[in-house]
Amino acid sequence: MTDIDRAKEAVRQHVWDLLERDGAAPPGVHGHIPDFVGKEEAAARLGDSDVWKKARVIKCNPDRAQLPVRIRALREGKLLHMAVPKLATRQPFYLLDPTLLAAPIEIAATSTGAPQVAPTVGPEDMLPVDLIVCGSVAVSRRGGVRVGKGAGYSDLEIALLTDAGLVTTDTAIATTIHQTQLLEFELPHAGHDFSVDLAITPTEVVACEPGRAKPSGIIESSLRKDQIDSIPILRA
């Protein structure tokens, strides 16, 4: 692990401990994007934002914490993309079109339901993304620097879409989190990390101060051999 990796892991452990101590997330939150208390309220606040109202194509992570976000998107007729777990297929995104779903939205929007009803697509078959909603373990109010659970898939997903021209510096990035996950101090970050524009808690919408530029795409020097070996679209 690098110094940055160790610093990120310390932040994760700190936040996971706080969430469990305060009962703000279910037991066993360590190692995961926290399924936090108040996720419905945070999703509602995001839904009231101008950036949400303008968005027609949304890319959202498949974690339970953001399930209310995905349900709201489909109910409002938005086109929704979710990544295939671990980007394990050559076409690494699910396409959820609410006009074509053969299952209730509440089921189709789940990580187990989407594979049953949604086709997989590659970037070449996708429309430009208006809004990215990601899961986070911690976010800094200063610059919107985000720390995820450590697997690196969110960074790769955005980088792939950036390389395809579907995500640009104009694409808004938001995250829904518990207030405990919103930190007042600066967080460690690497060159391949992305920051968020909006951090939404059950009680607050934070327009993060302008931070670093969003990634320009895949940074080959940052890829691990196991990622290249296990992710078909990277091999291709």
Protein backbone atom coordinates (compact mmCIF):
# COMPACT_ATOMS: atom_id res chain seq x y z
CA MET A 1 0.00 0.00 0.00
CA THR A 2 1.17 3.53 -0.72
CA ASP A 3 1.00 6.34 1.81
CA ILE A 4 -2.17 7.57 0.08
CA ASP A 5 -3.72 4.10 0.28
CA ARG A 6 -2.96 3.90 3.99
CA ALA A 7 -4.38 7.36 4.61
CA LYS A 8 -7.58 6.48 2.74
CA GLU A 9 -7.96 3.26 4.72
CA ALA A 10 -7.63 5.19 7.98
CA VAL A 11 -10.44 7.52 6.86
CA ARG A 12 -12.65 4.57 5.93
CA GLN A 13 -12.15 2.86 9.27
CA HIS A 14 -12.86 6.11 11.11
CA VAL A 15 -16.12 6.72 9.28
CA TRP A 16 -17.30 3.10 9.45
CA ASP A 17 -16.63 3.07 13.20
CA LEU A 18 -18.59 6.29 13.70
CA LEU A 19 -21.56 5.07 11.66
CA GLU A 20 -21.76 1.82 13.63
CA ARG A 21 -21.29 3.56 16.98
CA ASP A 22 -24.08 6.04 16.27
CA GLY A 23 -26.44 3.49 14.70
CA ALA A 24 -26.41 5.46 11.44
CA ALA A 25 -25.79 2.33 9.36
CA PRO A 26 -26.51 -1.39 9.84
CA PRO A 27 -23.96 -3.61 11.59
CA GLY A 28 -21.31 -4.96 9.26
CA VAL A 29 -20.87 -1.70 7.38
CA HIS A 30 -17.09 -2.10 7.30
CA GLY A 31 -15.90 -2.83 3.78
CA HIS A 32 -19.01 -1.44 2.11
CA ILE A 33 -20.64 1.73 0.81
CA PRO A 34 -22.73 2.54 3.92
CA ASP A 35 -26.45 1.80 3.72
CA PHE A 36 -27.13 4.82 5.87
CA VAL A 37 -30.16 5.91 7.87
CA GLY A 38 -31.99 8.68 6.02
CA LYS A 39 -31.10 7.58 2.49
CA GLU A 40 -34.67 8.29 1.32
CA GLU A 41 -34.50 11.85 2.61
CA ALA A 42 -31.13 12.40 0.93
CA ALA A 43 -32.53 11.07 -2.35
CA ALA A 44 -35.47 13.44 -2.05
CA ARG A 45 -33.15 16.40 -1.56
CA LEU A 46 -31.17 15.37 -4.63
CA GLY A 47 -34.44 15.06 -6.54
CA ASP A 48 -35.31 18.65 -5.68
CA SER A 49 -32.05 20.00 -7.12
CA ASP A 50 -31.85 21.74 -10.47
CA VAL A 51 -29.13 19.40 -11.70
CA TRP A 52 -31.44 16.43 -11.12
CA LYS A 53 -34.43 18.05 -12.76
CA LYS A 54 -32.40 18.82 -15.90
CA ALA A 55 -30.85 15.35 -16.16
CA ARG A 56 -32.29 12.84 -18.62
CA VAL A 57 -29.53 10.21 -18.52
CA ILE A 58 -28.18 9.15 -15.13
CA LYS A 59 -25.39 6.77 -14.20
CA CYS A 60 -25.78 5.47 -10.64
CA ASN A 61 -23.93 2.92 -8.52
CA PRO A 62 -25.81 -0.27 -7.53
CA ASP A 63 -25.43 -0.03 -3.72
CA ARG A 64 -28.39 -0.12 -1.33
CA ALA A 65 -27.65 3.38 -0.11
CA GLN A 66 -28.55 4.78 -3.53
CA LEU A 67 -31.57 2.54 -4.21
CA PRO A 68 -34.02 5.42 -3.54
CA VAL A 69 -32.10 7.48 -6.12
CA ARG A 70 -32.44 4.78 -8.77
CA ILE A 71 -36.13 4.23 -8.03
CA ARG A 72 -36.81 7.96 -8.29
CA ALA A 73 -34.93 8.19 -11.60
CA LEU A 74 -37.00 5.41 -13.17
CA ARG A 75 -40.28 6.73 -11.77
CA GLU A 76 -39.52 10.09 -13.36
CA GLY A 77 -38.82 8.50 -16.74
CA LYS A 78 -35.07 9.00 -16.75
CA LEU A 79 -32.71 6.62 -18.54
CA LEU A 80 -30.59 4.85 -15.93
CA HIS A 81 -27.24 3.09 -16.21
CA MET A 82 -25.78 0.81 -13.54
CA ALA A 83 -22.41 -0.88 -13.78
CA VAL A 84 -22.19 -4.65 -14.02
CA PRO A 85 -20.57 -5.90 -10.77
CA LYS A 86 -16.78 -5.68 -11.06
CA LEU A 87 -17.21 -4.62 -14.72
CA ALA A 88 -17.05 -8.34 -15.41
CA THR A 89 -18.63 -8.38 -18.90
CA ARG A 90 -17.50 -6.96 -22.23
CA GLN A 91 -20.57 -4.70 -22.13
CA PRO A 92 -20.16 -3.47 -18.55
CA PHE A 93 -23.28 -1.37 -17.97
CA TYR A 94 -26.95 -2.23 -17.48
CA LEU A 95 -29.41 -0.10 -19.41
CA LEU A 96 -32.64 0.51 -17.51
CA ASP A 97 -35.24 2.20 -19.70
CA PRO A 98 -38.41 2.73 -17.66
CA THR A 99 -40.56 2.46 -20.81
CA LEU A 100 -39.29 -1.07 -21.49
CA LEU A 101 -38.99 -2.67 -18.06
CA ALA A 102 -40.76 -6.01 -17.61
CA ALA A 103 -40.62 -5.85 -13.81
CA PRO A 104 -41.73 -3.34 -11.17
CA ILE A 105 -39.37 -0.41 -10.85
CA GLU A 106 -38.68 -1.24 -7.20
CA ILE A 107 -37.27 -4.62 -8.29
CA ALA A 108 -35.57 -3.53 -11.52
CA ALA A 109 -33.62 -0.83 -9.65
CA THR A 110 -31.95 -3.33 -7.30
CA SER A 111 -28.57 -4.93 -7.87
CA THR A 112 -30.25 -8.35 -8.07
CA GLY A 113 -33.21 -7.28 -10.18
CA ALA A 114 -31.39 -5.33 -12.87
CA PRO A 115 -29.53 -8.38 -14.27
CA GLN A 116 -32.88 -10.14 -14.74
CA VAL A 117 -34.60 -7.40 -16.76
CA ALA A 118 -31.98 -5.03 -18.21
CA PRO A 119 -29.70 -5.57 -21.21
CA THR A 120 -26.00 -4.88 -20.91
CA VAL A 121 -24.41 -2.23 -23.11
CA GLY A 122 -20.97 -0.85 -23.77
CA PRO A 123 -20.05 2.83 -24.00
CA GLU A 124 -20.51 2.67 -27.78
CA ASP A 125 -24.24 2.06 -27.23
CA MET A 126 -24.82 4.69 -24.55
CA LEU A 127 -25.98 8.29 -24.62
CA PRO A 128 -24.03 11.14 -22.98
CA VAL A 129 -24.48 11.11 -19.21
CA ASP A 130 -26.05 14.20 -17.63
CA LEU A 131 -25.56 13.23 -14.00
CA ILE A 132 -23.45 10.68 -12.14
CA VAL A 133 -24.60 9.60 -8.68
CA CYS A 134 -21.96 7.67 -6.77
CA GLY A 135 -21.73 5.98 -3.42
CA SER A 136 -19.10 7.14 -0.95
CA VAL A 137 -17.60 6.24 2.38
CA ALA A 138 -16.43 9.80 3.06
CA VAL A 139 -16.53 13.17 1.32
CA SER A 140 -14.66 16.35 2.15
CA ARG A 141 -16.60 19.58 2.14
CA ARG A 142 -13.37 21.14 0.88
CA GLY A 143 -13.26 20.43 -2.83
CA GLY A 144 -15.60 17.44 -2.73
CA VAL A 145 -12.78 14.90 -2.54
CA ARG A 146 -14.34 11.46 -2.16
CA VAL A 147 -13.12 8.23 -0.60
CA GLY A 148 -14.89 5.05 -1.71
CA LYS A 149 -14.69 1.56 -0.27
CA GLY A 150 -11.34 0.94 -1.94
CA ALA A 151 -12.13 -1.36 -4.87
CA GLY A 152 -11.59 1.36 -7.49
CA TYR A 153 -14.49 0.43 -9.75
CA SER A 154 -16.25 3.82 -9.58
CA ASP A 155 -13.10 5.56 -10.80
CA LEU A 156 -12.76 3.08 -13.67
CA GLU A 157 -16.41 3.41 -14.67
CA ILE A 158 -16.17 7.19 -14.94
CA ALA A 159 -12.83 6.98 -16.72
CA LEU A 160 -14.24 4.57 -19.31
CA LEU A 161 -17.18 6.88 -19.97
CA THR A 162 -14.85 9.86 -20.16
CA ASP A 163 -12.69 8.13 -22.76
CA ALA A 164 -15.86 7.45 -24.75
CA GLY A 165 -16.85 11.12 -24.65
CA LEU A 166 -19.98 10.37 -22.61
CA VAL A 167 -18.73 12.14 -19.49
CA THR A 168 -17.08 15.57 -19.70
CA THR A 169 -16.06 18.29 -17.29
CA ASP A 170 -19.65 19.56 -17.62
CA THR A 171 -21.12 16.30 -16.29
CA ALA A 172 -22.36 16.81 -12.74
CA ILE A 173 -21.27 14.30 -10.07
CA ALA A 174 -23.28 13.91 -6.87
CA THR A 175 -23.27 11.56 -3.90
CA THR A 176 -25.82 10.83 -1.19
CA ILE A 177 -24.37 10.23 2.27
CA HIS A 178 -25.09 10.42 5.99
CA GLN A 179 -24.03 13.63 7.73
CA THR A 180 -21.35 11.60 9.56
CA GLN A 181 -19.70 10.86 6.22
CA LEU A 182 -19.30 14.57 5.40
CA LEU A 183 -15.92 15.62 6.79
CA GLU A 184 -14.61 19.11 7.38
CA PHE A 185 -10.94 18.31 6.75
CA GLU A 186 -9.12 17.54 3.52
CA LEU A 187 -8.98 13.94 2.36
CA PRO A 188 -6.19 12.04 0.62
CA HIS A 189 -6.52 11.55 -3.11
CA ALA A 190 -4.62 10.05 -6.02
CA GLY A 191 -4.39 11.20 -9.63
CA HIS A 192 -7.09 8.79 -10.84
CA ASP A 193 -9.63 9.81 -8.17
CA PHE A 194 -12.62 11.99 -8.99
CA SER A 195 -14.29 14.61 -6.82
CA VAL A 196 -18.00 15.38 -6.45
CA ASP A 197 -19.88 18.58 -7.14
CA LEU A 198 -22.72 17.89 -4.73
CA ALA A 199 -22.78 16.00 -1.44
CA ILE A 200 -26.34 15.45 -0.22
CA THR A 201 -27.18 14.32 3.30
CA PRO A 202 -30.65 13.82 4.80
CA THR A 203 -30.49 17.39 6.13
CA GLU A 204 -28.15 19.32 3.84
CA VAL A 205 -27.18 19.91 0.22
CA VAL A 206 -23.53 20.87 -0.07
CA ALA A 207 -22.26 22.46 -3.25
CA CYS A 208 -18.62 21.53 -2.82
CA GLU A 209 -15.97 24.13 -3.43
CA PRO A 210 -14.30 23.70 -6.81
CA GLY A 211 -11.71 20.97 -6.52
CA ARG A 212 -9.35 19.20 -8.83
CA ALA A 213 -10.20 18.64 -12.48
CA LYS A 214 -12.15 15.47 -13.19
CA PRO A 215 -10.14 12.61 -14.69
CA SER A 216 -9.46 12.78 -18.40
CA GLY A 217 -9.98 9.05 -18.80
CA ILE A 218 -8.15 5.82 -18.14
CA ILE A 219 -4.69 6.44 -16.69
CA GLU A 220 -2.80 3.34 -17.80
CA SER A 221 -0.02 3.79 -15.26
CA SER A 222 -2.61 3.59 -12.47
CA LEU A 223 -4.06 0.27 -13.60
CA ARG A 224 -3.18 -2.88 -11.67
CA LYS A 225 -2.43 -6.10 -13.51
CA ASP A 226 -5.35 -7.85 -11.79
CA GLN A 227 -7.70 -5.16 -13.09
CA ILE A 228 -6.53 -5.59 -16.67
CA ASP A 229 -6.75 -9.37 -16.37
CA SER A 230 -10.24 -9.43 -14.86
CA ILE A 231 -12.04 -6.57 -16.67
CA PRO A 232 -12.79 -7.47 -20.32
CA ILE A 233 -13.26 -3.92 -21.57
CA LEU A 234 -9.81 -2.97 -20.27
CA ARG A 235 -8.24 -5.95 -22.04
CA ALA A 236 -10.02 -4.96 -25.24
